[in-house]
């Protein structure tokens, strides 16, 4: 299953998630979401000596992490150039990064047999633009399988249309990251500072959406903008692109909360499509994965982070793609 919650994993939350495997609690803590630590261990290889007896030889370079509760491995072997973090460090980043800023941990845990860890923090009561309520979250991610650095991302959720999208106006989808190098502690300190400076992001994002609400937009312009983003790496439109853009055009006018008049409607149409309809797989978990981790997450992040600066560029690119498609059809 795409949720990747294995037997050793826990996902604790204040409400049940789509996969039905949440341990629902009143308060999410380290103790009920990650009740273990990772401990570095040497790796031994068995071989036979000249007398045919089994002997164990320690690997001179590689180590591996073990979980402190079951002493089974976590992640992959690593060399001295890789510096793993820990469960304690992960939660320390949350505590120090948030500082005096009020927050609530709504979900935290491990996935993929404890190789990846995460926590989602509700950081404000949100804001409202044009009758649509938005909620702000910070998501902290890390891994023990070398798949990701210790990373903080800003996530916004629109309660009207159940859309999620990554968006930081200063640096795309990321607030900051700490790579697993020998400079890990220095990188973590920088990440903590970046999280601490997050507070202004929500206000900037609210202002951007308000300006979008005040900008008139036709259905054709909305479709061209969407085509420009969806077809950013294309030289000519495909049937798949045309179908996506047509659906986004429908959502521009009929999507939840939309009236088909402003750039905010265009933005909401694209994020609604990418959150709920972009995957053509029958498995519903596939849509959740692409919306939050995969290609749809990247598209939403790009749309949000460069919404104003690239609007005209995306419209022109989209118009060219859609026009070329009409020419080919004729």
C-alpha atoms as a PDB file:
ATOM      1  CA  UNK A   1       0.000   0.000   0.000  1.00  0.00           C
ATOM      2  CA  UNK A   2       1.136   3.536  -0.719  1.00  0.00           C
ATOM      3  CA  UNK A   3       0.819   4.616   2.900  1.00  0.00           C
ATOM      4  CA  UNK A   4       3.916   2.495   3.711  1.00  0.00           C
ATOM      5  CA  UNK A   5       2.918   2.109   7.351  1.00  0.00           C
ATOM      6  CA  UNK A   6       4.518  -1.213   8.233  1.00  0.00           C
ATOM      7  CA  UNK A   7       4.203  -3.362  11.358  1.00  0.00           C
ATOM      8  CA  UNK A   8       6.930  -1.453  13.223  1.00  0.00           C
ATOM      9  CA  UNK A   9       5.532   1.954  12.272  1.00  0.00           C
ATOM     10  CA  UNK A  10       3.158   4.237  14.159  1.00  0.00           C
ATOM     11  CA  UNK A  11       1.221   7.221  12.871  1.00  0.00           C
ATOM     12  CA  UNK A  12      -0.282   9.084  15.830  1.00  0.00           C
ATOM     13  CA  UNK A  13      -2.761  11.865  15.168  1.00  0.00           C
ATOM     14  CA  UNK A  14      -5.633  13.823  16.633  1.00  0.00           C
ATOM     15  CA  UNK A  15      -7.969  12.438  13.939  1.00  0.00           C
ATOM     16  CA  UNK A  16      -8.136   9.295  11.817  1.00  0.00           C
ATOM     17  CA  UNK A  17      -6.268   9.558   8.502  1.00  0.00           C
ATOM     18  CA  UNK A  18      -7.494   8.233   5.149  1.00  0.00           C
ATOM     19  CA  UNK A  19      -5.656   4.913   5.573  1.00  0.00           C
ATOM     20  CA  UNK A  20      -7.500   4.042   8.800  1.00  0.00           C
ATOM     21  CA  UNK A  21      -4.277   3.134  10.630  1.00  0.00           C
ATOM     22  CA  UNK A  22      -3.945   6.219  12.829  1.00  0.00           C
ATOM     23  CA  UNK A  23      -3.438   5.804  16.557  1.00  0.00           C
ATOM     24  CA  UNK A  24      -5.864   8.563  17.585  1.00  0.00           C
ATOM     25  CA  UNK A  25      -4.726  10.510  20.659  1.00  0.00           C
ATOM     26  CA  UNK A  26      -5.707  13.728  22.433  1.00  0.00           C
ATOM     27  CA  UNK A  27      -2.138  15.029  22.182  1.00  0.00           C
ATOM     28  CA  UNK A  28       0.570  13.835  19.802  1.00  0.00           C
ATOM     29  CA  UNK A  29       3.914  13.415  21.557  1.00  0.00           C
ATOM     30  CA  UNK A  30       7.256  11.779  20.954  1.00  0.00           C
ATOM     31  CA  UNK A  31       6.266   9.016  23.369  1.00  0.00           C
ATOM     32  CA  UNK A  32       3.130   7.953  21.495  1.00  0.00           C
ATOM     33  CA  UNK A  33       4.399   8.502  17.946  1.00  0.00           C
ATOM     34  CA  UNK A  34       8.092   7.482  18.091  1.00  0.00           C
ATOM     35  CA  UNK A  35       8.599   5.461  21.298  1.00  0.00           C
ATOM     36  CA  UNK A  36      12.156   4.490  20.476  1.00  0.00           C
ATOM     37  CA  UNK A  37      15.573   5.916  19.684  1.00  0.00           C
ATOM     38  CA  UNK A  38      18.077   4.967  16.998  1.00  0.00           C
ATOM     39  CA  UNK A  39      21.480   3.747  18.169  1.00  0.00           C
ATOM     40  CA  UNK A  40      24.603   3.435  16.041  1.00  0.00           C
ATOM     41  CA  UNK A  41      25.985  -0.078  15.795  1.00  0.00           C
ATOM     42  CA  UNK A  42      29.003  -1.623  14.103  1.00  0.00           C
ATOM     43  CA  UNK A  43      28.387  -4.156  11.340  1.00  0.00           C
ATOM     44  CA  UNK A  44      29.908  -7.616  11.636  1.00  0.00           C
ATOM     45  CA  UNK A  45      30.423 -10.128   8.864  1.00  0.00           C
ATOM     46  CA  UNK A  46      30.684 -13.851   9.496  1.00  0.00           C
ATOM     47  CA  UNK A  47      33.480 -15.835   7.874  1.00  0.00           C
ATOM     48  CA  UNK A  48      35.457 -18.978   8.591  1.00  0.00           C
ATOM     49  CA  UNK A  49      39.016 -18.952   9.819  1.00  0.00           C
ATOM     50  CA  UNK A  50      41.755 -21.333   8.708  1.00  0.00           C
ATOM     51  CA  UNK A  51      40.440 -23.950  11.147  1.00  0.00           C
ATOM     52  CA  UNK A  52      36.906 -23.844   9.744  1.00  0.00           C
ATOM     53  CA  UNK A  53      35.532 -21.985  12.755  1.00  0.00           C
ATOM     54  CA  UNK A  54      33.053 -19.145  12.390  1.00  0.00           C
ATOM     55  CA  UNK A  55      34.504 -15.757  13.289  1.00  0.00           C
ATOM     56  CA  UNK A  56      32.940 -12.273  13.139  1.00  0.00           C
ATOM     57  CA  UNK A  57      34.828  -9.426  11.554  1.00  0.00           C
ATOM     58  CA  UNK A  58      33.815  -5.811  12.153  1.00  0.00           C
ATOM     59  CA  UNK A  59      33.438  -3.688   9.032  1.00  0.00           C
ATOM     60  CA  UNK A  60      36.104  -0.966   9.274  1.00  0.00           C
ATOM     61  CA  UNK A  61      33.990   1.720   7.599  1.00  0.00           C
ATOM     62  CA  UNK A  62      30.241   1.062   7.638  1.00  0.00           C
ATOM     63  CA  UNK A  63      27.795   1.383  10.532  1.00  0.00           C
ATOM     64  CA  UNK A  64      24.046   0.864  10.854  1.00  0.00           C
ATOM     65  CA  UNK A  65      21.299   2.169  13.124  1.00  0.00           C
ATOM     66  CA  UNK A  66      19.295  -0.059  15.461  1.00  0.00           C
ATOM     67  CA  UNK A  67      16.003   0.764  17.178  1.00  0.00           C
ATOM     68  CA  UNK A  68      16.331   0.854  20.969  1.00  0.00           C
ATOM     69  CA  UNK A  69      13.103  -1.075  21.606  1.00  0.00           C
ATOM     70  CA  UNK A  70      13.449  -4.143  19.364  1.00  0.00           C
ATOM     71  CA  UNK A  71      17.133  -3.825  18.320  1.00  0.00           C
ATOM     72  CA  UNK A  72      16.266  -4.365  14.684  1.00  0.00           C
ATOM     73  CA  UNK A  73      17.918  -2.316  11.971  1.00  0.00           C
ATOM     74  CA  UNK A  74      16.603   1.071  10.834  1.00  0.00           C
ATOM     75  CA  UNK A  75      17.660   2.357   7.418  1.00  0.00           C
ATOM     76  CA  UNK A  76      20.690   1.364   5.409  1.00  0.00           C
ATOM     77  CA  UNK A  77      24.384   0.941   6.243  1.00  0.00           C
ATOM     78  CA  UNK A  78      26.325   4.192   5.980  1.00  0.00           C
ATOM     79  CA  UNK A  79      29.936   5.310   5.779  1.00  0.00           C
ATOM     80  CA  UNK A  80      31.730   7.932   7.850  1.00  0.00           C
ATOM     81  CA  UNK A  81      30.815  10.678   5.356  1.00  0.00           C
ATOM     82  CA  UNK A  82      27.140  10.294   6.325  1.00  0.00           C
ATOM     83  CA  UNK A  83      25.981  11.695   9.647  1.00  0.00           C
ATOM     84  CA  UNK A  84      22.631  10.296  10.803  1.00  0.00           C
ATOM     85  CA  UNK A  85      20.318  12.298  12.993  1.00  0.00           C
ATOM     86  CA  UNK A  86      18.255  10.837  15.832  1.00  0.00           C
ATOM     87  CA  UNK A  87      14.729  10.825  17.199  1.00  0.00           C
ATOM     88  CA  UNK A  88      15.861  13.166  19.980  1.00  0.00           C
ATOM     89  CA  UNK A  89      17.383  15.612  17.480  1.00  0.00           C
ATOM     90  CA  UNK A  90      14.200  15.574  15.386  1.00  0.00           C
ATOM     91  CA  UNK A  91      12.036  16.595  18.335  1.00  0.00           C
ATOM     92  CA  UNK A  92      14.636  19.102  19.499  1.00  0.00           C
ATOM     93  CA  UNK A  93      14.374  20.825  16.108  1.00  0.00           C
ATOM     94  CA  UNK A  94      10.622  21.165  16.618  1.00  0.00           C
ATOM     95  CA  UNK A  95      10.958  22.509  20.153  1.00  0.00           C
ATOM     96  CA  UNK A  96      13.743  25.003  19.447  1.00  0.00           C
ATOM     97  CA  UNK A  97      12.527  25.959  15.983  1.00  0.00           C
ATOM     98  CA  UNK A  98       9.037  26.844  17.147  1.00  0.00           C
ATOM     99  CA  UNK A  99      10.340  28.624  20.249  1.00  0.00           C
ATOM    100  CA  UNK A 100       7.572  30.744  21.750  1.00  0.00           C
ATOM    101  CA  UNK A 101       5.310  30.374  18.674  1.00  0.00           C
ATOM    102  CA  UNK A 102       2.104  28.521  19.627  1.00  0.00           C
ATOM    103  CA  UNK A 103       1.617  25.262  17.748  1.00  0.00           C
ATOM    104  CA  UNK A 104      -0.191  21.943  17.899  1.00  0.00           C
ATOM    105  CA  UNK A 105       1.223  18.674  16.591  1.00  0.00           C
ATOM    106  CA  UNK A 106      -1.653  17.108  14.653  1.00  0.00           C
ATOM    107  CA  UNK A 107       0.203  14.086  13.296  1.00  0.00           C
ATOM    108  CA  UNK A 108       3.589  12.419  13.744  1.00  0.00           C
ATOM    109  CA  UNK A 109       5.199   9.050  13.309  1.00  0.00           C
ATOM    110  CA  UNK A 110       7.269   6.783  11.100  1.00  0.00           C
ATOM    111  CA  UNK A 111       6.742   5.082   7.747  1.00  0.00           C
ATOM    112  CA  UNK A 112       8.556   2.582   5.544  1.00  0.00           C
ATOM    113  CA  UNK A 113       9.648   0.369   8.450  1.00  0.00           C
ATOM    114  CA  UNK A 114      10.851   3.357  10.509  1.00  0.00           C
ATOM    115  CA  UNK A 115      13.152   4.574   7.762  1.00  0.00           C
ATOM    116  CA  UNK A 116      11.294   7.912   7.464  1.00  0.00           C
ATOM    117  CA  UNK A 117       9.923  10.114  10.237  1.00  0.00           C
ATOM    118  CA  UNK A 118       7.578  13.092  10.118  1.00  0.00           C
ATOM    119  CA  UNK A 119       5.543  15.547  12.173  1.00  0.00           C
ATOM    120  CA  UNK A 120       2.844  17.996  11.047  1.00  0.00           C
ATOM    121  CA  UNK A 121       2.368  21.114  13.151  1.00  0.00           C
ATOM    122  CA  UNK A 122      -0.609  23.442  13.053  1.00  0.00           C
ATOM    123  CA  UNK A 123       1.017  26.814  13.614  1.00  0.00           C
ATOM    124  CA  UNK A 124      -1.745  29.400  13.321  1.00  0.00           C
ATOM    125  CA  UNK A 125      -5.495  29.595  13.434  1.00  0.00           C
ATOM    126  CA  UNK A 126      -5.284  30.381   9.735  1.00  0.00           C
ATOM    127  CA  UNK A 127      -6.845  33.192   7.770  1.00  0.00           C
ATOM    128  CA  UNK A 128      -9.750  33.894   5.444  1.00  0.00           C
ATOM    129  CA  UNK A 129      -9.769  35.291   1.905  1.00  0.00           C
ATOM    130  CA  UNK A 130     -12.982  35.744  -0.070  1.00  0.00           C
ATOM    131  CA  UNK A 131     -14.935  33.510   2.276  1.00  0.00           C
ATOM    132  CA  UNK A 132     -12.361  30.713   2.056  1.00  0.00           C
ATOM    133  CA  UNK A 133     -10.573  29.586   5.193  1.00  0.00           C
ATOM    134  CA  UNK A 134      -6.904  28.602   5.017  1.00  0.00           C
ATOM    135  CA  UNK A 135      -4.939  26.715   7.671  1.00  0.00           C
ATOM    136  CA  UNK A 136      -1.166  26.906   8.113  1.00  0.00           C
ATOM    137  CA  UNK A 137       1.055  23.956   8.930  1.00  0.00           C
ATOM    138  CA  UNK A 138       4.758  23.189   9.158  1.00  0.00           C
ATOM    139  CA  UNK A 139       5.785  19.660   8.254  1.00  0.00           C
ATOM    140  CA  UNK A 140       9.117  18.338   9.517  1.00  0.00           C
ATOM    141  CA  UNK A 141      10.591  15.377   7.614  1.00  0.00           C
ATOM    142  CA  UNK A 142      13.689  13.250   8.075  1.00  0.00           C
ATOM    143  CA  UNK A 143      14.993   9.834   7.081  1.00  0.00           C
ATOM    144  CA  UNK A 144      17.466   7.166   8.091  1.00  0.00           C
ATOM    145  CA  UNK A 145      17.656   5.650   4.596  1.00  0.00           C
ATOM    146  CA  UNK A 146      19.437   8.614   2.951  1.00  0.00           C
ATOM    147  CA  UNK A 147      16.308   9.554   0.993  1.00  0.00           C
ATOM    148  CA  UNK A 148      15.921  13.043   2.439  1.00  0.00           C
ATOM    149  CA  UNK A 149      17.640  15.614   4.586  1.00  0.00           C
ATOM    150  CA  UNK A 150      16.116  16.863   7.825  1.00  0.00           C
ATOM    151  CA  UNK A 151      13.660  19.269   6.191  1.00  0.00           C
ATOM    152  CA  UNK A 152      10.960  21.755   7.177  1.00  0.00           C
ATOM    153  CA  UNK A 153       8.162  22.655   4.750  1.00  0.00           C
ATOM    154  CA  UNK A 154       5.261  25.088   4.882  1.00  0.00           C
ATOM    155  CA  UNK A 155       1.920  23.500   4.046  1.00  0.00           C
ATOM    156  CA  UNK A 156      -1.333  25.365   3.486  1.00  0.00           C
ATOM    157  CA  UNK A 157      -4.724  23.701   3.562  1.00  0.00           C
ATOM    158  CA  UNK A 158      -7.901  25.286   2.204  1.00  0.00           C
ATOM    159  CA  UNK A 159     -10.827  23.992   4.241  1.00  0.00           C
ATOM    160  CA  UNK A 160     -13.395  24.979   1.616  1.00  0.00           C
ATOM    161  CA  UNK A 161     -12.078  22.722  -1.117  1.00  0.00           C
ATOM    162  CA  UNK A 162      -9.844  20.352   0.896  1.00  0.00           C
ATOM    163  CA  UNK A 163      -6.806  21.370  -1.139  1.00  0.00           C
ATOM    164  CA  UNK A 164      -3.282  21.092   0.134  1.00  0.00           C
ATOM    165  CA  UNK A 165      -0.252  22.744  -1.345  1.00  0.00           C
ATOM    166  CA  UNK A 166       3.320  23.436  -0.336  1.00  0.00           C
ATOM    167  CA  UNK A 167       4.218  27.091  -0.470  1.00  0.00           C
ATOM    168  CA  UNK A 168       6.898  29.317   0.934  1.00  0.00           C
ATOM    169  CA  UNK A 169       7.148  32.621  -0.828  1.00  0.00           C
ATOM    170  CA  UNK A 170      10.870  32.915  -0.174  1.00  0.00           C
ATOM    171  CA  UNK A 171      12.150  29.461  -1.094  1.00  0.00           C
ATOM    172  CA  UNK A 172       9.649  27.327  -2.911  1.00  0.00           C
ATOM    173  CA  UNK A 173       8.296  24.465  -0.835  1.00  0.00           C
ATOM    174  CA  UNK A 174      11.077  24.465   1.743  1.00  0.00           C
ATOM    175  CA  UNK A 175      11.616  26.533   4.847  1.00  0.00           C
ATOM    176  CA  UNK A 176      15.032  24.956   5.245  1.00  0.00           C
ATOM    177  CA  UNK A 177      16.973  21.709   5.447  1.00  0.00           C
ATOM    178  CA  UNK A 178      19.916  20.134   7.263  1.00  0.00           C
ATOM    179  CA  UNK A 179      21.888  17.681   5.148  1.00  0.00           C
ATOM    180  CA  UNK A 180      23.302  14.534   6.747  1.00  0.00           C
ATOM    181  CA  UNK A 181      26.972  15.474   6.503  1.00  0.00           C
ATOM    182  CA  UNK A 182      29.665  15.967   9.114  1.00  0.00           C
ATOM    183  CA  UNK A 183      28.262  19.507   9.402  1.00  0.00           C
ATOM    184  CA  UNK A 184      24.888  18.164  10.551  1.00  0.00           C
ATOM    185  CA  UNK A 185      24.809  20.031  13.871  1.00  0.00           C
ATOM    186  CA  UNK A 186      25.669  23.325  12.169  1.00  0.00           C
ATOM    187  CA  UNK A 187      23.037  22.655   9.507  1.00  0.00           C
ATOM    188  CA  UNK A 188      20.446  21.854  12.186  1.00  0.00           C
ATOM    189  CA  UNK A 189      21.156  25.151  13.928  1.00  0.00           C
ATOM    190  CA  UNK A 190      20.513  26.966  10.639  1.00  0.00           C
ATOM    191  CA  UNK A 191      17.316  24.986  10.109  1.00  0.00           C
ATOM    192  CA  UNK A 192      16.088  25.958  13.576  1.00  0.00           C
ATOM    193  CA  UNK A 193      16.719  29.623  12.748  1.00  0.00           C
ATOM    194  CA  UNK A 194      14.820  29.239   9.453  1.00  0.00           C
ATOM    195  CA  UNK A 195      11.802  27.739  11.206  1.00  0.00           C
ATOM    196  CA  UNK A 196      11.903  30.488  13.808  1.00  0.00           C
ATOM    197  CA  UNK A 197      11.666  33.081  11.022  1.00  0.00           C
ATOM    198  CA  UNK A 198       8.622  31.364   9.476  1.00  0.00           C
ATOM    199  CA  UNK A 199       6.028  33.576  11.172  1.00  0.00           C
ATOM    200  CA  UNK A 200       5.997  36.183   8.406  1.00  0.00           C
ATOM    201  CA  UNK A 201       5.310  33.624   5.683  1.00  0.00           C
ATOM    202  CA  UNK A 202       1.642  33.213   6.541  1.00  0.00           C
ATOM    203  CA  UNK A 203       0.995  36.961   6.334  1.00  0.00           C
ATOM    204  CA  UNK A 204       2.788  37.170   2.974  1.00  0.00           C
ATOM    205  CA  UNK A 205       0.808  34.262   1.617  1.00  0.00           C
ATOM    206  CA  UNK A 206      -2.485  35.762   2.804  1.00  0.00           C
ATOM    207  CA  UNK A 207      -1.582  39.045   1.077  1.00  0.00           C
ATOM    208  CA  UNK A 208      -0.772  37.185  -2.148  1.00  0.00           C
ATOM    209  CA  UNK A 209      -4.134  35.394  -2.149  1.00  0.00           C
ATOM    210  CA  UNK A 210      -5.954  38.632  -1.399  1.00  0.00           C
ATOM    211  CA  UNK A 211      -4.278  40.298  -4.386  1.00  0.00           C
ATOM    212  CA  UNK A 212      -5.232  37.271  -6.513  1.00  0.00           C
ATOM    213  CA  UNK A 213      -8.849  37.718  -5.426  1.00  0.00           C
ATOM    214  CA  UNK A 214      -8.729  41.349  -6.553  1.00  0.00           C
ATOM    215  CA  UNK A 215      -7.374  40.465 -10.025  1.00  0.00           C
ATOM    216  CA  UNK A 216     -10.093  39.709 -12.635  1.00  0.00           C
ATOM    217  CA  UNK A 217      -9.502  36.594 -14.718  1.00  0.00           C
ATOM    218  CA  UNK A 218     -11.414  34.992 -17.571  1.00  0.00           C
ATOM    219  CA  UNK A 219     -11.823  31.257 -18.075  1.00  0.00           C
ATOM    220  CA  UNK A 220      -9.548  31.365 -21.135  1.00  0.00           C
ATOM    221  CA  UNK A 221      -6.819  33.143 -19.173  1.00  0.00           C
ATOM    222  CA  UNK A 222      -7.157  30.671 -16.308  1.00  0.00           C
ATOM    223  CA  UNK A 223      -6.839  27.744 -18.709  1.00  0.00           C
ATOM    224  CA  UNK A 224      -3.805  29.313 -20.393  1.00  0.00           C
ATOM    225  CA  UNK A 225      -2.135  29.863 -17.002  1.00  0.00           C
ATOM    226  CA  UNK A 226      -2.811  26.261 -16.010  1.00  0.00           C
ATOM    227  CA  UNK A 227      -1.514  25.004 -19.363  1.00  0.00           C
ATOM    228  CA  UNK A 228       1.656  27.045 -18.897  1.00  0.00           C
ATOM    229  CA  UNK A 229       2.342  25.386 -15.559  1.00  0.00           C
ATOM    230  CA  UNK A 230       1.257  21.887 -16.542  1.00  0.00           C
ATOM    231  CA  UNK A 231       3.137  22.092 -19.840  1.00  0.00           C
ATOM    232  CA  UNK A 232       6.221  23.902 -18.565  1.00  0.00           C
ATOM    233  CA  UNK A 233       8.516  21.251 -20.036  1.00  0.00           C
ATOM    234  CA  UNK A 234       6.588  20.751 -23.290  1.00  0.00           C
ATOM    235  CA  UNK A 235       7.122  22.159 -26.754  1.00  0.00           C
ATOM    236  CA  UNK A 236       3.633  21.195 -27.943  1.00  0.00           C
ATOM    237  CA  UNK A 237       0.419  20.208 -26.194  1.00  0.00           C
ATOM    238  CA  UNK A 238      -0.479  16.575 -25.646  1.00  0.00           C
ATOM    239  CA  UNK A 239      -3.954  15.088 -25.354  1.00  0.00           C
ATOM    240  CA  UNK A 240      -3.298  14.576 -21.660  1.00  0.00           C
ATOM    241  CA  UNK A 241      -2.485  18.250 -21.182  1.00  0.00           C
ATOM    242  CA  UNK A 242      -5.601  19.340 -23.069  1.00  0.00           C
ATOM    243  CA  UNK A 243      -7.781  17.117 -20.905  1.00  0.00           C
ATOM    244  CA  UNK A 244      -6.213  18.412 -17.694  1.00  0.00           C
ATOM    245  CA  UNK A 245      -6.632  22.033 -18.726  1.00  0.00           C
ATOM    246  CA  UNK A 246     -10.236  21.466 -19.752  1.00  0.00           C
ATOM    247  CA  UNK A 247     -11.008  20.016 -16.335  1.00  0.00           C
ATOM    248  CA  UNK A 248      -9.223  22.888 -14.558  1.00  0.00           C
ATOM    249  CA  UNK A 249     -11.301  25.272 -16.666  1.00  0.00           C
ATOM    250  CA  UNK A 250     -14.444  23.589 -15.350  1.00  0.00           C
ATOM    251  CA  UNK A 251     -13.193  23.807 -11.764  1.00  0.00           C
ATOM    252  CA  UNK A 252     -12.409  27.506 -12.291  1.00  0.00           C
ATOM    253  CA  UNK A 253     -16.154  28.092 -12.458  1.00  0.00           C
ATOM    254  CA  UNK A 254     -17.653  25.189 -10.540  1.00  0.00           C
ATOM    255  CA  UNK A 255     -14.984  24.093  -8.079  1.00  0.00           C
ATOM    256  CA  UNK A 256     -15.746  24.317  -4.388  1.00  0.00           C
ATOM    257  CA  UNK A 257     -15.773  27.999  -3.415  1.00  0.00           C
ATOM    258  CA  UNK A 258     -15.081  29.189  -6.979  1.00  0.00           C
ATOM    259  CA  UNK A 259     -17.136  31.638  -9.042  1.00  0.00           C
ATOM    260  CA  UNK A 260     -14.967  31.830 -12.186  1.00  0.00           C
ATOM    261  CA  UNK A 261     -14.017  35.499 -11.981  1.00  0.00           C
ATOM    262  CA  UNK A 262     -10.584  35.975 -10.402  1.00  0.00           C
ATOM    263  CA  UNK A 263      -7.033  34.663 -10.334  1.00  0.00           C
ATOM    264  CA  UNK A 264      -7.817  33.181  -6.924  1.00  0.00           C
ATOM    265  CA  UNK A 265     -10.417  30.986  -8.648  1.00  0.00           C
ATOM    266  CA  UNK A 266      -7.727  29.894 -11.118  1.00  0.00           C
ATOM    267  CA  UNK A 267      -5.310  29.065  -8.307  1.00  0.00           C
ATOM    268  CA  UNK A 268      -7.970  27.132  -6.410  1.00  0.00           C
ATOM    269  CA  UNK A 269      -8.990  25.246  -9.561  1.00  0.00           C
ATOM    270  CA  UNK A 270      -5.441  24.042 -10.175  1.00  0.00           C
ATOM    271  CA  UNK A 271      -4.834  23.032  -6.552  1.00  0.00           C
ATOM    272  CA  UNK A 272      -8.200  21.266  -6.372  1.00  0.00           C
ATOM    273  CA  UNK A 273      -7.348  19.278  -9.487  1.00  0.00           C
ATOM    274  CA  UNK A 274      -3.856  18.383  -8.257  1.00  0.00           C
ATOM    275  CA  UNK A 275      -5.122  17.474  -4.784  1.00  0.00           C
ATOM    276  CA  UNK A 276      -8.076  15.324  -5.803  1.00  0.00           C
ATOM    277  CA  UNK A 277      -8.026  14.364  -9.493  1.00  0.00           C
ATOM    278  CA  UNK A 278      -4.511  14.280 -10.934  1.00  0.00           C
ATOM    279  CA  UNK A 279      -3.887  10.556 -10.421  1.00  0.00           C
ATOM    280  CA  UNK A 280      -5.641   8.227 -12.851  1.00  0.00           C
ATOM    281  CA  UNK A 281      -5.022   5.147 -10.699  1.00  0.00           C
ATOM    282  CA  UNK A 282      -7.854   3.233  -9.075  1.00  0.00           C
ATOM    283  CA  UNK A 283      -6.010   3.001  -5.747  1.00  0.00           C
ATOM    284  CA  UNK A 284      -7.137   6.092  -3.773  1.00  0.00           C
ATOM    285  CA  UNK A 285      -3.880   6.117  -1.835  1.00  0.00           C
ATOM    286  CA  UNK A 286      -2.041   6.903  -5.084  1.00  0.00           C
ATOM    287  CA  UNK A 287      -3.812  10.278  -5.262  1.00  0.00           C
ATOM    288  CA  UNK A 288      -2.898  11.045  -1.670  1.00  0.00           C
ATOM    289  CA  UNK A 289       0.748  10.199  -2.369  1.00  0.00           C
ATOM    290  CA  UNK A 290       1.100  12.340  -5.495  1.00  0.00           C
ATOM    291  CA  UNK A 291      -0.776  15.223  -3.841  1.00  0.00           C
ATOM    292  CA  UNK A 292       1.502  15.335  -0.824  1.00  0.00           C
ATOM    293  CA  UNK A 293       4.785  13.832  -2.012  1.00  0.00           C
ATOM    294  CA  UNK A 294       4.866  13.339  -5.758  1.00  0.00           C
ATOM    295  CA  UNK A 295       4.443  15.261  -8.996  1.00  0.00           C
ATOM    296  CA  UNK A 296       1.242  16.992  -7.928  1.00  0.00           C
ATOM    297  CA  UNK A 297       2.921  18.321  -4.808  1.00  0.00           C
ATOM    298  CA  UNK A 298       5.702  19.767  -6.972  1.00  0.00           C
ATOM    299  CA  UNK A 299       3.212  21.381  -9.345  1.00  0.00           C
ATOM    300  CA  UNK A 300       1.256  22.959  -6.499  1.00  0.00           C
ATOM    301  CA  UNK A 301       4.437  24.198  -4.874  1.00  0.00           C
ATOM    302  CA  UNK A 302       5.602  25.783  -8.119  1.00  0.00           C
ATOM    303  CA  UNK A 303       2.215  27.407  -8.706  1.00  0.00           C
ATOM    304  CA  UNK A 304       2.128  28.879  -5.210  1.00  0.00           C
ATOM    305  CA  UNK A 305       5.730  29.995  -4.848  1.00  0.00           C
ATOM    306  CA  UNK A 306       5.877  31.794  -8.224  1.00  0.00           C
ATOM    307  CA  UNK A 307       2.199  32.618  -8.618  1.00  0.00           C
ATOM    308  CA  UNK A 308       2.562  36.364  -9.139  1.00  0.00           C
ATOM    309  CA  UNK A 309       6.050  36.612 -10.615  1.00  0.00           C
ATOM    310  CA  UNK A 310       5.402  34.004 -13.325  1.00  0.00           C
ATOM    311  CA  UNK A 311       1.717  34.642 -14.067  1.00  0.00           C
ATOM    312  CA  UNK A 312       2.250  36.432 -17.399  1.00  0.00           C
ATOM    313  CA  UNK A 313       4.982  34.015 -18.465  1.00  0.00           C
ATOM    314  CA  UNK A 314       2.783  30.990 -17.758  1.00  0.00           C
ATOM    315  CA  UNK A 315      -0.206  32.541 -19.543  1.00  0.00           C
ATOM    316  CA  UNK A 316       1.869  33.241 -22.670  1.00  0.00           C
ATOM    317  CA  UNK A 317       3.398  29.752 -22.629  1.00  0.00           C
ATOM    318  CA  UNK A 318      -0.036  28.198 -22.137  1.00  0.00           C
ATOM    319  CA  UNK A 319      -1.603  30.232 -24.947  1.00  0.00           C
ATOM    320  CA  UNK A 320       1.158  29.097 -27.282  1.00  0.00           C
ATOM    321  CA  UNK A 321       0.656  25.451 -26.336  1.00  0.00           C
ATOM    322  CA  UNK A 322      -3.112  25.609 -26.684  1.00  0.00           C
ATOM    323  CA  UNK A 323      -2.880  27.498 -29.990  1.00  0.00           C
ATOM    324  CA  UNK A 324      -0.429  24.951 -31.408  1.00  0.00           C
ATOM    325  CA  UNK A 325      -2.831  22.191 -30.445  1.00  0.00           C
ATOM    326  CA  UNK A 326      -5.667  23.897 -32.346  1.00  0.00           C
ATOM    327  CA  UNK A 327      -3.429  24.347 -35.381  1.00  0.00           C
ATOM    328  CA  UNK A 328      -2.527  20.663 -35.366  1.00  0.00           C
ATOM    329  CA  UNK A 329      -6.172  19.693 -35.000  1.00  0.00           C
ATOM    330  CA  UNK A 330      -7.094  21.731 -38.055  1.00  0.00           C
END
